[in-house]
């Protein structure tokens, strides 16, 4: 089965969708920074060597963070919301630009979109109206 990769412009659109969904997670998801901390993220140099590339090491790091039980269990369950989680968009943006033909990195974008949709999202427009 062939995998169809998105163009860089398409991935940028999907990343923006992911950012909006993560910013709009409902209040039923707790705020925090216990699980997701991506500031100053770089792939472990040993993992880069072990797995044969930076994109593979980034994939491994995301698996440990989002799927410590293994990705085969289905949908990723996001444990918290906040700036730490939203910053994964910047990480994926950087690495999908660096490796535009990495199907595994593109898959993370779609898997995280599905995870955010599963939790539900509050329209950012409705949040703006509430503040007025």
N, C-alpha and C. Protein backbone atom coordinates (compact mmCIF):
# COMPACT_ATOMS: atom_id res chain seq x y z
N UNK A 1 0.84 -1.18 0.00
CA UNK A 1 0.00 0.00 0.00
C UNK A 1 0.88 1.24 0.00
N UNK A 2 0.71 2.11 -0.98
CA UNK A 2 1.52 3.31 -1.11
C UNK A 2 1.01 4.41 -0.18
N UNK A 3 1.95 5.16 0.35
CA UNK A 3 1.62 6.29 1.20
C UNK A 3 1.72 7.55 0.36
N UNK A 4 0.69 8.37 0.40
CA UNK A 4 0.72 9.62 -0.35
C UNK A 4 1.12 10.75 0.59
N UNK A 5 2.25 11.35 0.31
CA UNK A 5 2.75 12.44 1.14
C UNK A 5 2.07 13.75 0.78
N UNK A 6 1.91 14.59 1.77
CA UNK A 6 1.39 15.94 1.55
C UNK A 6 2.52 16.84 1.08
N UNK A 7 2.14 17.88 0.38
CA UNK A 7 3.12 18.89 -0.02
C UNK A 7 3.45 19.73 1.22
N UNK A 8 4.56 20.45 1.20
CA UNK A 8 4.87 21.33 2.33
C UNK A 8 3.74 22.33 2.63
N UNK A 9 3.10 22.85 1.60
CA UNK A 9 2.00 23.81 1.81
C UNK A 9 0.81 23.12 2.48
N UNK A 10 0.53 21.88 2.08
CA UNK A 10 -0.58 21.14 2.70
C UNK A 10 -0.27 20.84 4.17
N UNK A 11 0.97 20.47 4.45
CA UNK A 11 1.34 20.20 5.85
C UNK A 11 1.22 21.47 6.68
N UNK A 12 1.61 22.60 6.12
CA UNK A 12 1.46 23.87 6.85
C UNK A 12 0.00 24.11 7.20
N UNK A 13 -0.91 23.85 6.27
CA UNK A 13 -2.34 24.00 6.54
C UNK A 13 -2.80 23.06 7.65
N UNK A 14 -2.34 21.82 7.60
CA UNK A 14 -2.72 20.84 8.63
C UNK A 14 -2.13 21.22 9.98
N UNK A 15 -0.92 21.76 9.98
CA UNK A 15 -0.32 22.20 11.25
C UNK A 15 -1.10 23.36 11.85
N UNK A 16 -1.58 24.26 11.01
CA UNK A 16 -2.41 25.36 11.51
C UNK A 16 -3.71 24.82 12.09
N UNK A 17 -4.29 23.83 11.44
CA UNK A 17 -5.49 23.18 11.97
C UNK A 17 -5.19 22.56 13.33
N UNK A 18 -4.06 21.87 13.43
CA UNK A 18 -3.68 21.27 14.70
C UNK A 18 -3.52 22.32 15.78
N UNK A 19 -2.88 23.43 15.46
CA UNK A 19 -2.68 24.50 16.45
C UNK A 19 -4.04 25.02 16.95
N UNK A 20 -4.96 25.24 16.03
CA UNK A 20 -6.30 25.75 16.40
C UNK A 20 -7.02 24.74 17.29
N UNK A 21 -6.94 23.46 16.93
CA UNK A 21 -7.60 22.43 17.73
C UNK A 21 -7.00 22.33 19.13
N UNK A 22 -5.68 22.39 19.23
CA UNK A 22 -5.03 22.30 20.54
C UNK A 22 -5.33 23.52 21.39
N UNK A 23 -5.40 24.69 20.77
CA UNK A 23 -5.75 25.90 21.52
C UNK A 23 -7.20 25.90 21.97
N UNK A 24 -8.03 25.14 21.25
CA UNK A 24 -9.45 25.12 21.54
C UNK A 24 -9.91 23.90 22.33
N UNK A 25 -8.99 23.17 22.95
CA UNK A 25 -9.41 22.02 23.74
C UNK A 25 -10.34 22.48 24.87
N UNK A 26 -11.34 21.69 25.19
CA UNK A 26 -12.34 22.12 26.18
C UNK A 26 -11.77 22.17 27.60
N UNK A 27 -12.52 22.81 28.47
CA UNK A 27 -12.11 22.95 29.87
C UNK A 27 -12.11 21.63 30.62
N UNK A 28 -12.70 20.60 30.04
CA UNK A 28 -12.67 19.28 30.67
C UNK A 28 -11.27 18.67 30.62
N UNK A 29 -10.40 19.24 29.79
CA UNK A 29 -9.00 18.81 29.72
C UNK A 29 -8.20 19.75 30.63
N UNK A 30 -7.48 19.18 31.58
CA UNK A 30 -6.77 20.02 32.54
C UNK A 30 -5.60 20.76 31.89
N UNK A 31 -5.36 21.97 32.40
CA UNK A 31 -4.19 22.74 31.99
C UNK A 31 -2.98 22.18 32.71
N UNK A 32 -1.84 22.21 32.04
CA UNK A 32 -0.64 21.76 32.72
C UNK A 32 0.56 21.71 31.82
N UNK A 33 1.67 21.36 32.45
CA UNK A 33 2.92 21.18 31.70
C UNK A 33 3.70 20.00 32.28
N UNK A 34 2.97 19.08 32.86
CA UNK A 34 3.61 17.91 33.45
C UNK A 34 4.05 16.92 32.38
N UNK A 35 3.23 16.73 31.35
CA UNK A 35 3.50 15.69 30.35
C UNK A 35 4.17 16.20 29.09
N UNK A 36 3.86 17.43 28.69
CA UNK A 36 4.32 17.93 27.40
C UNK A 36 5.19 19.15 27.58
N UNK A 37 6.48 18.97 27.29
CA UNK A 37 7.46 20.06 27.40
C UNK A 37 8.36 19.99 26.18
N UNK A 38 8.09 20.84 25.23
CA UNK A 38 8.84 20.78 23.98
C UNK A 38 9.79 21.96 23.78
N UNK A 39 9.89 22.85 24.76
CA UNK A 39 10.79 23.98 24.56
C UNK A 39 12.23 23.45 24.47
N UNK A 40 12.96 23.98 23.54
CA UNK A 40 14.36 23.60 23.30
C UNK A 40 14.50 22.12 22.92
N UNK A 41 13.49 21.56 22.28
CA UNK A 41 13.54 20.16 21.88
C UNK A 41 14.55 19.94 20.77
N UNK A 42 15.40 18.96 20.97
CA UNK A 42 16.28 18.45 19.92
C UNK A 42 16.31 16.93 20.07
N UNK A 43 16.40 16.22 18.98
CA UNK A 43 16.46 14.76 19.10
C UNK A 43 17.77 14.32 19.76
N UNK A 44 17.68 13.28 20.54
CA UNK A 44 18.83 12.72 21.22
C UNK A 44 19.84 12.23 20.17
N UNK A 45 21.08 12.76 20.20
CA UNK A 45 22.09 12.37 19.21
C UNK A 45 22.34 10.86 19.16
N UNK A 46 22.26 10.19 20.30
CA UNK A 46 22.44 8.74 20.32
C UNK A 46 21.31 8.04 19.57
N UNK A 47 20.08 8.57 19.73
CA UNK A 47 18.93 7.99 19.03
C UNK A 47 19.02 8.26 17.54
N UNK A 48 19.56 9.42 17.17
CA UNK A 48 19.76 9.74 15.75
C UNK A 48 20.66 8.67 15.13
N UNK A 49 21.73 8.36 15.84
CA UNK A 49 22.66 7.34 15.34
C UNK A 49 22.02 5.95 15.37
N UNK A 50 21.34 5.62 16.48
CA UNK A 50 20.71 4.29 16.61
C UNK A 50 19.65 4.04 15.55
N UNK A 51 18.82 5.07 15.27
CA UNK A 51 17.69 4.90 14.35
C UNK A 51 18.01 5.30 12.92
N UNK A 52 19.18 5.90 12.70
CA UNK A 52 19.60 6.19 11.33
C UNK A 52 19.15 7.52 10.78
N UNK A 53 18.72 8.44 11.63
CA UNK A 53 18.36 9.76 11.14
C UNK A 53 17.60 10.58 12.17
N UNK A 54 17.63 11.89 11.97
CA UNK A 54 16.95 12.78 12.90
C UNK A 54 15.44 12.56 12.88
N UNK A 55 14.87 12.36 11.68
CA UNK A 55 13.42 12.17 11.61
C UNK A 55 12.99 10.94 12.40
N UNK A 56 13.77 9.89 12.35
CA UNK A 56 13.44 8.68 13.10
C UNK A 56 13.60 8.90 14.60
N UNK A 57 14.60 9.68 15.00
CA UNK A 57 14.79 9.98 16.41
C UNK A 57 13.67 10.88 16.94
N UNK A 58 13.20 11.81 16.12
CA UNK A 58 12.06 12.66 16.50
C UNK A 58 10.82 11.78 16.66
N UNK A 59 10.59 10.87 15.74
CA UNK A 59 9.47 9.95 15.83
C UNK A 59 9.54 9.17 17.14
N UNK A 60 10.70 8.67 17.47
CA UNK A 60 10.88 7.90 18.70
C UNK A 60 10.56 8.75 19.93
N UNK A 61 11.04 9.98 19.95
CA UNK A 61 10.77 10.88 21.08
C UNK A 61 9.27 11.13 21.22
N UNK A 62 8.58 11.35 20.10
CA UNK A 62 7.13 11.57 20.14
C UNK A 62 6.39 10.32 20.61
N UNK A 63 6.88 9.16 20.21
CA UNK A 63 6.27 7.91 20.69
C UNK A 63 6.37 7.79 22.20
N UNK A 64 7.53 8.12 22.74
CA UNK A 64 7.72 8.04 24.19
C UNK A 64 6.81 9.03 24.91
N UNK A 65 6.66 10.22 24.35
CA UNK A 65 5.85 11.25 24.99
C UNK A 65 4.36 10.96 24.88
N UNK A 66 3.90 10.62 23.69
CA UNK A 66 2.46 10.48 23.45
C UNK A 66 1.94 9.05 23.54
N UNK A 67 2.79 8.08 23.35
CA UNK A 67 2.33 6.68 23.30
C UNK A 67 3.26 5.76 24.08
N UNK A 68 3.50 6.04 25.35
CA UNK A 68 4.44 5.17 26.08
C UNK A 68 3.96 3.72 26.14
N UNK A 69 2.65 3.50 25.99
CA UNK A 69 2.08 2.15 26.00
C UNK A 69 2.17 1.49 24.63
N UNK A 70 2.56 2.25 23.63
CA UNK A 70 2.64 1.73 22.27
C UNK A 70 1.56 2.33 21.41
N UNK A 71 1.90 2.64 20.18
CA UNK A 71 0.98 3.31 19.26
C UNK A 71 -0.08 2.36 18.71
N UNK A 72 0.13 1.08 18.81
CA UNK A 72 -0.82 0.12 18.26
C UNK A 72 -2.13 0.09 19.04
N UNK A 73 -2.17 0.72 20.22
CA UNK A 73 -3.39 0.71 21.03
C UNK A 73 -4.48 1.61 20.49
N UNK A 74 -4.23 2.30 19.40
CA UNK A 74 -5.26 3.15 18.81
C UNK A 74 -4.98 4.62 19.02
N UNK A 75 -6.06 5.35 19.19
CA UNK A 75 -6.02 6.80 19.29
C UNK A 75 -5.13 7.29 20.43
N UNK A 76 -4.38 8.35 20.17
CA UNK A 76 -3.58 9.00 21.21
C UNK A 76 -4.54 9.73 22.14
N UNK A 77 -4.32 9.58 23.42
CA UNK A 77 -5.12 10.30 24.41
C UNK A 77 -4.26 11.42 24.97
N UNK A 78 -4.68 12.65 24.74
CA UNK A 78 -3.95 13.81 25.24
C UNK A 78 -4.26 13.96 26.73
N UNK A 79 -3.23 14.13 27.54
CA UNK A 79 -3.38 14.13 28.99
C UNK A 79 -3.58 15.51 29.59
N UNK A 80 -3.23 16.55 28.84
CA UNK A 80 -3.37 17.92 29.34
C UNK A 80 -3.34 18.87 28.15
N UNK A 81 -3.72 20.11 28.43
CA UNK A 81 -3.64 21.15 27.40
C UNK A 81 -2.76 22.27 27.92
N UNK A 82 -2.41 23.16 27.04
CA UNK A 82 -1.60 24.30 27.44
C UNK A 82 -0.46 24.55 26.48
N UNK A 83 0.36 25.54 26.81
CA UNK A 83 1.46 25.92 25.92
C UNK A 83 2.44 24.79 25.64
N UNK A 84 2.66 23.92 26.61
CA UNK A 84 3.57 22.80 26.40
C UNK A 84 3.10 21.88 25.28
N UNK A 85 1.80 21.61 25.27
CA UNK A 85 1.23 20.76 24.22
C UNK A 85 1.20 21.49 22.89
N UNK A 86 0.78 22.73 22.89
CA UNK A 86 0.68 23.50 21.65
C UNK A 86 2.04 23.63 20.97
N UNK A 87 3.10 23.66 21.75
CA UNK A 87 4.43 23.82 21.16
C UNK A 87 4.85 22.62 20.31
N UNK A 88 4.12 21.49 20.41
CA UNK A 88 4.43 20.36 19.54
C UNK A 88 4.21 20.75 18.08
N UNK A 89 3.33 21.71 17.84
CA UNK A 89 3.09 22.17 16.46
C UNK A 89 4.38 22.77 15.89
N UNK A 90 5.07 23.56 16.69
CA UNK A 90 6.33 24.17 16.23
C UNK A 90 7.39 23.10 15.96
N UNK A 91 7.41 22.09 16.82
CA UNK A 91 8.36 20.98 16.62
C UNK A 91 8.06 20.27 15.30
N UNK A 92 6.80 19.93 15.10
CA UNK A 92 6.42 19.25 13.86
C UNK A 92 6.64 20.14 12.64
N UNK A 93 6.40 21.43 12.78
CA UNK A 93 6.64 22.35 11.68
C UNK A 93 8.12 22.32 11.30
N UNK A 94 8.97 22.44 12.29
CA UNK A 94 10.42 22.44 12.03
C UNK A 94 10.87 21.15 11.35
N UNK A 95 10.46 20.01 11.92
CA UNK A 95 10.98 18.74 11.42
C UNK A 95 10.32 18.30 10.12
N UNK A 96 9.07 18.67 9.88
CA UNK A 96 8.47 18.33 8.58
C UNK A 96 9.05 19.21 7.48
N UNK A 97 9.51 20.40 7.83
CA UNK A 97 10.22 21.21 6.84
C UNK A 97 11.61 20.64 6.56
N UNK A 98 12.27 20.18 7.62
CA UNK A 98 13.61 19.61 7.46
C UNK A 98 13.55 18.27 6.71
N UNK A 99 12.46 17.53 6.90
CA UNK A 99 12.29 16.21 6.26
C UNK A 99 10.92 16.15 5.59
N UNK A 100 10.74 16.86 4.48
CA UNK A 100 9.42 16.94 3.85
C UNK A 100 8.92 15.62 3.26
N UNK A 101 9.79 14.64 3.13
CA UNK A 101 9.34 13.34 2.61
C UNK A 101 9.23 12.28 3.71
N UNK A 102 9.22 12.71 4.95
CA UNK A 102 9.10 11.77 6.07
C UNK A 102 7.62 11.48 6.34
N UNK A 103 7.19 10.32 5.91
CA UNK A 103 5.80 9.92 6.12
C UNK A 103 5.49 9.79 7.60
N UNK A 104 6.46 9.33 8.38
CA UNK A 104 6.21 9.13 9.81
C UNK A 104 5.98 10.47 10.52
N UNK A 105 6.70 11.51 10.16
CA UNK A 105 6.48 12.81 10.78
C UNK A 105 5.14 13.41 10.34
N UNK A 106 4.80 13.23 9.07
CA UNK A 106 3.50 13.71 8.61
C UNK A 106 2.36 12.98 9.32
N UNK A 107 2.56 11.70 9.57
CA UNK A 107 1.53 10.92 10.26
C UNK A 107 1.28 11.47 11.67
N UNK A 108 2.31 11.96 12.33
CA UNK A 108 2.13 12.55 13.66
C UNK A 108 1.17 13.73 13.60
N UNK A 109 1.27 14.53 12.56
CA UNK A 109 0.37 15.68 12.42
C UNK A 109 -1.08 15.19 12.40
N UNK A 110 -1.35 14.18 11.60
CA UNK A 110 -2.72 13.67 11.47
C UNK A 110 -3.18 12.93 12.72
N UNK A 111 -2.28 12.19 13.34
CA UNK A 111 -2.65 11.48 14.57
C UNK A 111 -2.99 12.45 15.69
N UNK A 112 -2.24 13.54 15.79
CA UNK A 112 -2.52 14.52 16.84
C UNK A 112 -3.79 15.32 16.54
N UNK A 113 -4.06 15.56 15.26
CA UNK A 113 -5.33 16.20 14.89
C UNK A 113 -6.49 15.32 15.33
N UNK A 114 -6.39 14.03 15.07
CA UNK A 114 -7.45 13.10 15.48
C UNK A 114 -7.60 13.05 16.99
N UNK A 115 -6.49 13.07 17.70
CA UNK A 115 -6.53 13.05 19.17
C UNK A 115 -7.23 14.30 19.71
N UNK A 116 -6.94 15.45 19.13
CA UNK A 116 -7.58 16.69 19.56
C UNK A 116 -9.06 16.68 19.22
N UNK A 117 -9.40 16.21 18.05
CA UNK A 117 -10.81 16.13 17.66
C UNK A 117 -11.57 15.19 18.59
N UNK A 118 -10.94 14.11 19.00
CA UNK A 118 -11.57 13.14 19.89
C UNK A 118 -11.97 13.78 21.22
N UNK A 119 -11.13 14.68 21.72
CA UNK A 119 -11.43 15.35 22.99
C UNK A 119 -12.47 16.45 22.82
N UNK A 120 -12.68 16.85 21.60
CA UNK A 120 -13.60 17.95 21.34
C UNK A 120 -12.82 19.25 21.36
N UNK A 121 -13.40 20.24 20.80
CA UNK A 121 -12.73 21.53 20.77
C UNK A 121 -13.76 22.62 20.94
N UNK A 122 -13.36 23.66 21.60
CA UNK A 122 -14.20 24.82 21.79
C UNK A 122 -13.83 25.80 20.70
N UNK A 123 -14.81 26.32 20.03
CA UNK A 123 -14.54 27.29 18.97
C UNK A 123 -13.80 28.48 19.55
N UNK A 124 -12.71 28.85 18.91
CA UNK A 124 -11.99 30.04 19.37
C UNK A 124 -12.84 31.28 19.20
N UNK A 125 -13.73 31.28 18.22
CA UNK A 125 -14.64 32.40 18.04
C UNK A 125 -15.53 32.55 19.27
N UNK A 126 -16.05 31.45 19.80
CA UNK A 126 -16.92 31.54 20.97
C UNK A 126 -16.14 32.02 22.18
N UNK A 127 -14.87 31.66 22.28
CA UNK A 127 -14.05 32.15 23.39
C UNK A 127 -13.83 33.65 23.25
N UNK A 128 -13.64 34.11 22.03
CA UNK A 128 -13.44 35.55 21.80
C UNK A 128 -14.69 36.31 22.19
N UNK A 129 -15.86 35.79 21.80
CA UNK A 129 -17.11 36.46 22.12
C UNK A 129 -17.35 36.51 23.63
N UNK A 130 -16.90 35.48 24.35
CA UNK A 130 -17.10 35.47 25.79
C UNK A 130 -16.26 36.53 26.48
N UNK A 131 -15.17 36.90 25.88
CA UNK A 131 -14.28 37.90 26.49
C UNK A 131 -14.72 39.33 26.19
N UNK A 132 -15.60 39.52 25.26
CA UNK A 132 -16.02 40.88 24.86
C UNK A 132 -17.04 41.43 25.82
